[in-house]
Amino acid sequence: MEPPATIVGYRPGRHQVSIANEDVLMSKEGFEGAAQKGVGSIKEAIGKATGDRKLQAEGVADKIAGSAKEAVGKAKDAIHKATK
């Protein structure tokens, strides 16, 4: 049985978690982008359910912005991993 994921350290701008003895780094942008995409999905769903087109559009915009932030974060992570 593998141990559960535990936080093993913190460096500004990066979050480091140990998962099954592997270190996984996620840049601040990647983390924020994923969170923003989640918020966007919720806004979009609530907008659809209530017929609020403005809220639905805000949700779509948040998802797009979150995807862009997440892509920047993934690029930073790839660069960090390549130079490690």
C-alpha atoms as a PDB file:
ATOM      1  CA  MET A   1       0.000   0.000   0.000  1.00  0.00           C
ATOM      2  CA  GLU A   2       1.420   3.350  -1.060  1.00  0.00           C
ATOM      3  CA  PRO A   3       1.435   6.278   1.361  1.00  0.00           C
ATOM      4  CA  PRO A   4      -1.001   9.112   0.692  1.00  0.00           C
ATOM      5  CA  ALA A   5       0.221  12.313  -0.977  1.00  0.00           C
ATOM      6  CA  THR A   6       1.846  14.665   1.482  1.00  0.00           C
ATOM      7  CA  ILE A   7       3.263  18.137   1.129  1.00  0.00           C
ATOM      8  CA  VAL A   8       7.015  17.901   1.476  1.00  0.00           C
ATOM      9  CA  GLY A   9       8.138  21.465   0.933  1.00  0.00           C
ATOM     10  CA  TYR A  10       7.309  24.882  -0.384  1.00  0.00           C
ATOM     11  CA  ARG A  11       9.197  27.322  -2.554  1.00  0.00           C
ATOM     12  CA  PRO A  12       7.682  30.681  -3.489  1.00  0.00           C
ATOM     13  CA  GLY A  13       5.820  30.355  -6.782  1.00  0.00           C
ATOM     14  CA  ARG A  14       5.900  26.542  -6.762  1.00  0.00           C
ATOM     15  CA  HIS A  15       3.954  23.876  -4.912  1.00  0.00           C
ATOM     16  CA  GLN A  16       5.726  20.578  -4.328  1.00  0.00           C
ATOM     17  CA  VAL A  17       3.870  17.406  -3.436  1.00  0.00           C
ATOM     18  CA  SER A  18       5.174  13.875  -3.051  1.00  0.00           C
ATOM     19  CA  ILE A  19       2.981  11.289  -4.751  1.00  0.00           C
ATOM     20  CA  ALA A  20       4.106   7.663  -4.474  1.00  0.00           C
ATOM     21  CA  ASN A  21       7.687   8.809  -3.963  1.00  0.00           C
ATOM     22  CA  GLU A  22       7.654  11.135  -7.001  1.00  0.00           C
ATOM     23  CA  ASP A  23       7.969  14.889  -6.660  1.00  0.00           C
ATOM     24  CA  VAL A  24       5.415  16.847  -8.658  1.00  0.00           C
ATOM     25  CA  LEU A  25       5.936  20.572  -9.094  1.00  0.00           C
ATOM     26  CA  MET A  26       3.164  22.910 -10.131  1.00  0.00           C
ATOM     27  CA  SER A  27       3.815  26.538 -10.856  1.00  0.00           C
ATOM     28  CA  LYS A  28       1.668  29.227  -9.310  1.00  0.00           C
ATOM     29  CA  GLU A  29       0.144  30.002 -12.710  1.00  0.00           C
ATOM     30  CA  GLY A  30      -0.775  26.366 -13.302  1.00  0.00           C
ATOM     31  CA  PHE A  31      -2.459  26.099  -9.932  1.00  0.00           C
ATOM     32  CA  GLU A  32      -4.323  29.399 -10.347  1.00  0.00           C
ATOM     33  CA  GLY A  33      -5.334  28.510 -13.904  1.00  0.00           C
ATOM     34  CA  ALA A  34      -6.831  25.204 -12.847  1.00  0.00           C
ATOM     35  CA  ALA A  35      -8.746  26.935 -10.049  1.00  0.00           C
ATOM     36  CA  GLN A  36      -9.996  29.648 -12.420  1.00  0.00           C
ATOM     37  CA  LYS A  37     -11.198  27.003 -14.889  1.00  0.00           C
ATOM     38  CA  GLY A  38     -13.143  25.347 -12.066  1.00  0.00           C
ATOM     39  CA  VAL A  39     -14.772  28.614 -11.056  1.00  0.00           C
ATOM     40  CA  GLY A  40     -15.596  29.280 -14.697  1.00  0.00           C
ATOM     41  CA  SER A  41     -17.287  25.904 -15.049  1.00  0.00           C
ATOM     42  CA  ILE A  42     -19.412  26.586 -11.986  1.00  0.00           C
ATOM     43  CA  LYS A  43     -20.376  30.071 -13.208  1.00  0.00           C
ATOM     44  CA  GLU A  44     -21.254  28.714 -16.624  1.00  0.00           C
ATOM     45  CA  ALA A  45     -23.410  25.930 -15.154  1.00  0.00           C
ATOM     46  CA  ILE A  46     -25.242  28.317 -12.817  1.00  0.00           C
ATOM     47  CA  GLY A  47     -25.746  30.749 -15.687  1.00  0.00           C
ATOM     48  CA  LYS A  48     -27.237  27.992 -17.841  1.00  0.00           C
ATOM     49  CA  ALA A  49     -29.463  26.729 -15.033  1.00  0.00           C
ATOM     50  CA  THR A  50     -30.818  30.181 -14.176  1.00  0.00           C
ATOM     51  CA  GLY A  51     -30.918  31.570 -17.698  1.00  0.00           C
ATOM     52  CA  ASP A  52     -28.408  34.288 -16.759  1.00  0.00           C
ATOM     53  CA  ARG A  53     -26.535  34.791 -20.026  1.00  0.00           C
ATOM     54  CA  LYS A  54     -24.122  37.312 -18.481  1.00  0.00           C
ATOM     55  CA  LEU A  55     -23.038  34.865 -15.763  1.00  0.00           C
ATOM     56  CA  GLN A  56     -22.763  32.103 -18.345  1.00  0.00           C
ATOM     57  CA  ALA A  57     -20.522  34.305 -20.518  1.00  0.00           C
ATOM     58  CA  GLU A  58     -18.379  35.205 -17.499  1.00  0.00           C
ATOM     59  CA  GLY A  59     -17.963  31.493 -16.839  1.00  0.00           C
ATOM     60  CA  VAL A  60     -16.826  30.821 -20.391  1.00  0.00           C
ATOM     61  CA  ALA A  61     -14.392  33.761 -20.196  1.00  0.00           C
ATOM     62  CA  ASP A  62     -12.999  32.470 -16.878  1.00  0.00           C
ATOM     63  CA  LYS A  63     -12.493  29.008 -18.368  1.00  0.00           C
ATOM     64  CA  ILE A  64     -10.597  30.457 -21.343  1.00  0.00           C
ATOM     65  CA  ALA A  65      -8.436  32.669 -19.116  1.00  0.00           C
ATOM     66  CA  GLY A  66      -7.818  29.740 -16.768  1.00  0.00           C
ATOM     67  CA  SER A  67      -6.750  27.530 -19.661  1.00  0.00           C
ATOM     68  CA  ALA A  68      -4.281  30.177 -20.805  1.00  0.00           C
ATOM     69  CA  LYS A  69      -2.837  30.548 -17.295  1.00  0.00           C
ATOM     70  CA  GLU A  70      -2.602  26.808 -16.945  1.00  0.00           C
ATOM     71  CA  ALA A  71      -0.736  26.557 -20.270  1.00  0.00           C
ATOM     72  CA  VAL A  72       1.777  29.164 -19.074  1.00  0.00           C
ATOM     73  CA  GLY A  73       2.205  27.195 -15.861  1.00  0.00           C
ATOM     74  CA  LYS A  74       2.770  23.940 -17.752  1.00  0.00           C
ATOM     75  CA  ALA A  75       5.366  25.639 -19.955  1.00  0.00           C
ATOM     76  CA  LYS A  76       7.168  26.967 -16.875  1.00  0.00           C
ATOM     77  CA  ASP A  77       7.047  23.505 -15.299  1.00  0.00           C
ATOM     78  CA  ALA A  78       8.503  21.935 -18.460  1.00  0.00           C
ATOM     79  CA  ILE A  79      11.321  24.473 -18.544  1.00  0.00           C
ATOM     80  CA  HIS A  80      12.020  23.941 -14.847  1.00  0.00           C
ATOM     81  CA  LYS A  81      12.058  20.160 -15.298  1.00  0.00           C
ATOM     82  CA  ALA A  82      14.319  20.391 -18.353  1.00  0.00           C
ATOM     83  CA  THR A  83      16.857  22.561 -16.537  1.00  0.00           C
ATOM     84  CA  LYS A  84      16.808  20.492 -13.349  1.00  0.00           C
END
